[in-house]
Amino acid sequence: MCSAESLTHPNQTPMKEQIFDGYAVQIAELFNLKVEDLFVKSKKRDVVDARQLLYYACSKRPMRVVYIQEFMKRNGYEIGHTSILHGIKVAGDRAKSDKDYKQVIKRLKM
């Protein structure tokens, strides 16, 4: 029997969550942060940049924005759909224009 939970979170969600968690660990290491720092309300530039890279990496997988939003929430960070889209755009623009940032992205196991 299907529940509301199973309808909103298809069977692939656990796999996607593992990918999300893997990116979170890698990105935290690249930015010299603790994984928990990604899920704390902070406007510090390094934390924001890391968080935006997390959104970008997940979107390239491809992972739906609603999944990213749910995984962020499960880790204690509530964020709106449009804020995630903005973060993806900012990271994508930076990837096109900043060679160093491109190298950081290449170091991620995507």
C-alpha atoms as a PDB file:
ATOM      1  CA  MET A   1       0.000   0.000   0.000  1.00  0.00           C
ATOM      2  CA  CYS A   2       1.341   3.434  -0.941  1.00  0.00           C
ATOM      3  CA  SER A   3       1.646   6.144   1.642  1.00  0.00           C
ATOM      4  CA  ALA A   4       1.866   9.876   1.058  1.00  0.00           C
ATOM      5  CA  GLU A   5       5.567   9.604   1.965  1.00  0.00           C
ATOM      6  CA  SER A   6       6.263   7.006  -0.736  1.00  0.00           C
ATOM      7  CA  LEU A   7       4.484   9.131  -3.336  1.00  0.00           C
ATOM      8  CA  THR A   8       6.537  12.230  -2.605  1.00  0.00           C
ATOM      9  CA  HIS A   9       9.825  10.348  -2.173  1.00  0.00           C
ATOM     10  CA  PRO A  10      10.256   7.740  -4.913  1.00  0.00           C
ATOM     11  CA  ASN A  11      12.464   4.692  -4.440  1.00  0.00           C
ATOM     12  CA  GLN A  12      15.490   6.483  -5.910  1.00  0.00           C
ATOM     13  CA  THR A  13      15.585   8.992  -3.033  1.00  0.00           C
ATOM     14  CA  PRO A  14      17.884   6.885  -0.790  1.00  0.00           C
ATOM     15  CA  MET A  15      20.386   6.620  -3.651  1.00  0.00           C
ATOM     16  CA  LYS A  16      20.162  10.354  -4.299  1.00  0.00           C
ATOM     17  CA  GLU A  17      20.582  11.049  -0.600  1.00  0.00           C
ATOM     18  CA  GLN A  18      23.793   8.999  -0.547  1.00  0.00           C
ATOM     19  CA  ILE A  19      25.082  11.051  -3.483  1.00  0.00           C
ATOM     20  CA  PHE A  20      24.086  14.267  -1.694  1.00  0.00           C
ATOM     21  CA  ASP A  21      25.869  13.148   1.491  1.00  0.00           C
ATOM     22  CA  GLY A  22      28.975  12.217  -0.478  1.00  0.00           C
ATOM     23  CA  TYR A  23      29.111  15.638  -2.109  1.00  0.00           C
ATOM     24  CA  ALA A  24      28.592  17.332   1.260  1.00  0.00           C
ATOM     25  CA  VAL A  25      31.611  15.511   2.710  1.00  0.00           C
ATOM     26  CA  GLN A  26      33.826  16.228  -0.308  1.00  0.00           C
ATOM     27  CA  ILE A  27      32.853  19.900  -0.486  1.00  0.00           C
ATOM     28  CA  ALA A  28      33.332  20.441   3.242  1.00  0.00           C
ATOM     29  CA  GLU A  29      36.846  18.996   2.905  1.00  0.00           C
ATOM     30  CA  LEU A  30      37.637  21.169  -0.133  1.00  0.00           C
ATOM     31  CA  PHE A  31      36.573  24.305   1.757  1.00  0.00           C
ATOM     32  CA  ASN A  32      38.185  23.241   5.054  1.00  0.00           C
ATOM     33  CA  LEU A  33      34.807  23.168   6.789  1.00  0.00           C
ATOM     34  CA  LYS A  34      33.011  20.654   8.951  1.00  0.00           C
ATOM     35  CA  VAL A  35      30.085  19.008   7.175  1.00  0.00           C
ATOM     36  CA  GLU A  36      27.787  20.487   9.833  1.00  0.00           C
ATOM     37  CA  ASP A  37      28.868  24.000   8.766  1.00  0.00           C
ATOM     38  CA  LEU A  38      27.031  23.528   5.463  1.00  0.00           C
ATOM     39  CA  PHE A  39      23.747  23.222   7.352  1.00  0.00           C
ATOM     40  CA  VAL A  40      24.054  26.176   9.730  1.00  0.00           C
ATOM     41  CA  LYS A  41      22.456  29.507   8.861  1.00  0.00           C
ATOM     42  CA  SER A  42      25.512  31.546   7.969  1.00  0.00           C
ATOM     43  CA  LYS A  43      26.320  34.216   5.437  1.00  0.00           C
ATOM     44  CA  LYS A  44      30.081  33.708   5.720  1.00  0.00           C
ATOM     45  CA  ARG A  45      31.432  33.715   2.182  1.00  0.00           C
ATOM     46  CA  ASP A  46      33.234  30.363   2.433  1.00  0.00           C
ATOM     47  CA  VAL A  47      30.132  28.639   3.815  1.00  0.00           C
ATOM     48  CA  VAL A  48      27.844  30.207   1.200  1.00  0.00           C
ATOM     49  CA  ASP A  49      30.253  29.294  -1.618  1.00  0.00           C
ATOM     50  CA  ALA A  50      30.469  25.714  -0.364  1.00  0.00           C
ATOM     51  CA  ARG A  51      26.699  25.434  -0.051  1.00  0.00           C
ATOM     52  CA  GLN A  52      26.183  26.815  -3.576  1.00  0.00           C
ATOM     53  CA  LEU A  53      28.708  24.328  -4.926  1.00  0.00           C
ATOM     54  CA  LEU A  54      26.760  21.561  -3.195  1.00  0.00           C
ATOM     55  CA  TYR A  55      23.577  22.653  -4.994  1.00  0.00           C
ATOM     56  CA  TYR A  56      25.444  22.902  -8.297  1.00  0.00           C
ATOM     57  CA  ALA A  57      27.080  19.472  -7.989  1.00  0.00           C
ATOM     58  CA  CYS A  58      23.760  17.859  -7.118  1.00  0.00           C
ATOM     59  CA  SER A  59      21.991  19.584 -10.008  1.00  0.00           C
ATOM     60  CA  LYS A  60      24.587  18.266 -12.458  1.00  0.00           C
ATOM     61  CA  ARG A  61      24.012  14.703 -11.285  1.00  0.00           C
ATOM     62  CA  PRO A  62      21.013  15.401 -12.148  1.00  0.00           C
ATOM     63  CA  MET A  63      19.123  15.716  -8.889  1.00  0.00           C
ATOM     64  CA  ARG A  64      15.801  17.511  -8.617  1.00  0.00           C
ATOM     65  CA  VAL A  65      15.756  20.751  -6.652  1.00  0.00           C
ATOM     66  CA  VAL A  66      13.004  19.371  -4.440  1.00  0.00           C
ATOM     67  CA  TYR A  67      15.339  16.522  -3.402  1.00  0.00           C
ATOM     68  CA  ILE A  68      18.152  18.966  -2.611  1.00  0.00           C
ATOM     69  CA  GLN A  69      15.679  21.000  -0.585  1.00  0.00           C
ATOM     70  CA  GLU A  70      14.508  17.912   1.314  1.00  0.00           C
ATOM     71  CA  PHE A  71      18.053  16.719   2.049  1.00  0.00           C
ATOM     72  CA  MET A  72      19.024  20.176   3.306  1.00  0.00           C
ATOM     73  CA  LYS A  73      15.957  20.154   5.557  1.00  0.00           C
ATOM     74  CA  ARG A  74      16.793  16.686   6.903  1.00  0.00           C
ATOM     75  CA  ASN A  75      20.162  18.133   7.935  1.00  0.00           C
ATOM     76  CA  GLY A  76      18.518  21.074   9.715  1.00  0.00           C
ATOM     77  CA  TYR A  77      18.753  23.737   7.008  1.00  0.00           C
ATOM     78  CA  GLU A  78      15.458  25.050   5.627  1.00  0.00           C
ATOM     79  CA  ILE A  79      15.867  26.722   2.252  1.00  0.00           C
ATOM     80  CA  GLY A  80      13.473  27.773  -0.461  1.00  0.00           C
ATOM     81  CA  HIS A  81      13.342  26.383  -3.968  1.00  0.00           C
ATOM     82  CA  THR A  82      14.308  29.726  -5.550  1.00  0.00           C
ATOM     83  CA  SER A  83      17.318  30.122  -3.238  1.00  0.00           C
ATOM     84  CA  ILE A  84      18.643  26.766  -4.408  1.00  0.00           C
ATOM     85  CA  LEU A  85      18.100  27.760  -8.037  1.00  0.00           C
ATOM     86  CA  HIS A  86      19.958  31.020  -7.383  1.00  0.00           C
ATOM     87  CA  GLY A  87      22.858  29.102  -5.790  1.00  0.00           C
ATOM     88  CA  ILE A  88      23.037  26.755  -8.791  1.00  0.00           C
ATOM     89  CA  LYS A  89      23.164  29.741 -11.139  1.00  0.00           C
ATOM     90  CA  VAL A  90      25.843  31.563  -9.117  1.00  0.00           C
ATOM     91  CA  ALA A  91      28.042  28.452  -8.934  1.00  0.00           C
ATOM     92  CA  GLY A  92      27.493  27.746 -12.641  1.00  0.00           C
ATOM     93  CA  ASP A  93      28.452  31.302 -13.599  1.00  0.00           C
ATOM     94  CA  ARG A  94      31.537  31.098 -11.401  1.00  0.00           C
ATOM     95  CA  ALA A  95      32.495  27.764 -12.996  1.00  0.00           C
ATOM     96  CA  LYS A  96      32.429  29.410 -16.428  1.00  0.00           C
ATOM     97  CA  SER A  97      34.514  32.435 -15.462  1.00  0.00           C
ATOM     98  CA  ASP A  98      36.909  31.280 -12.715  1.00  0.00           C
ATOM     99  CA  LYS A  99      39.639  28.768 -13.619  1.00  0.00           C
ATOM    100  CA  ASP A 100      40.399  28.013  -9.962  1.00  0.00           C
ATOM    101  CA  TYR A 101      36.750  27.278  -9.236  1.00  0.00           C
ATOM    102  CA  LYS A 102      36.674  24.985 -12.276  1.00  0.00           C
ATOM    103  CA  GLN A 103      39.575  23.044 -10.761  1.00  0.00           C
ATOM    104  CA  VAL A 104      37.682  22.689  -7.485  1.00  0.00           C
ATOM    105  CA  ILE A 105      34.713  21.247  -9.378  1.00  0.00           C
ATOM    106  CA  LYS A 106      36.975  18.815 -11.250  1.00  0.00           C
ATOM    107  CA  ARG A 107      38.278  17.521  -7.903  1.00  0.00           C
ATOM    108  CA  LEU A 108      34.757  16.470  -6.936  1.00  0.00           C
ATOM    109  CA  LYS A 109      33.935  12.870  -7.718  1.00  0.00           C
ATOM    110  CA  MET A 110      30.851  13.525  -9.801  1.00  0.00           C
END
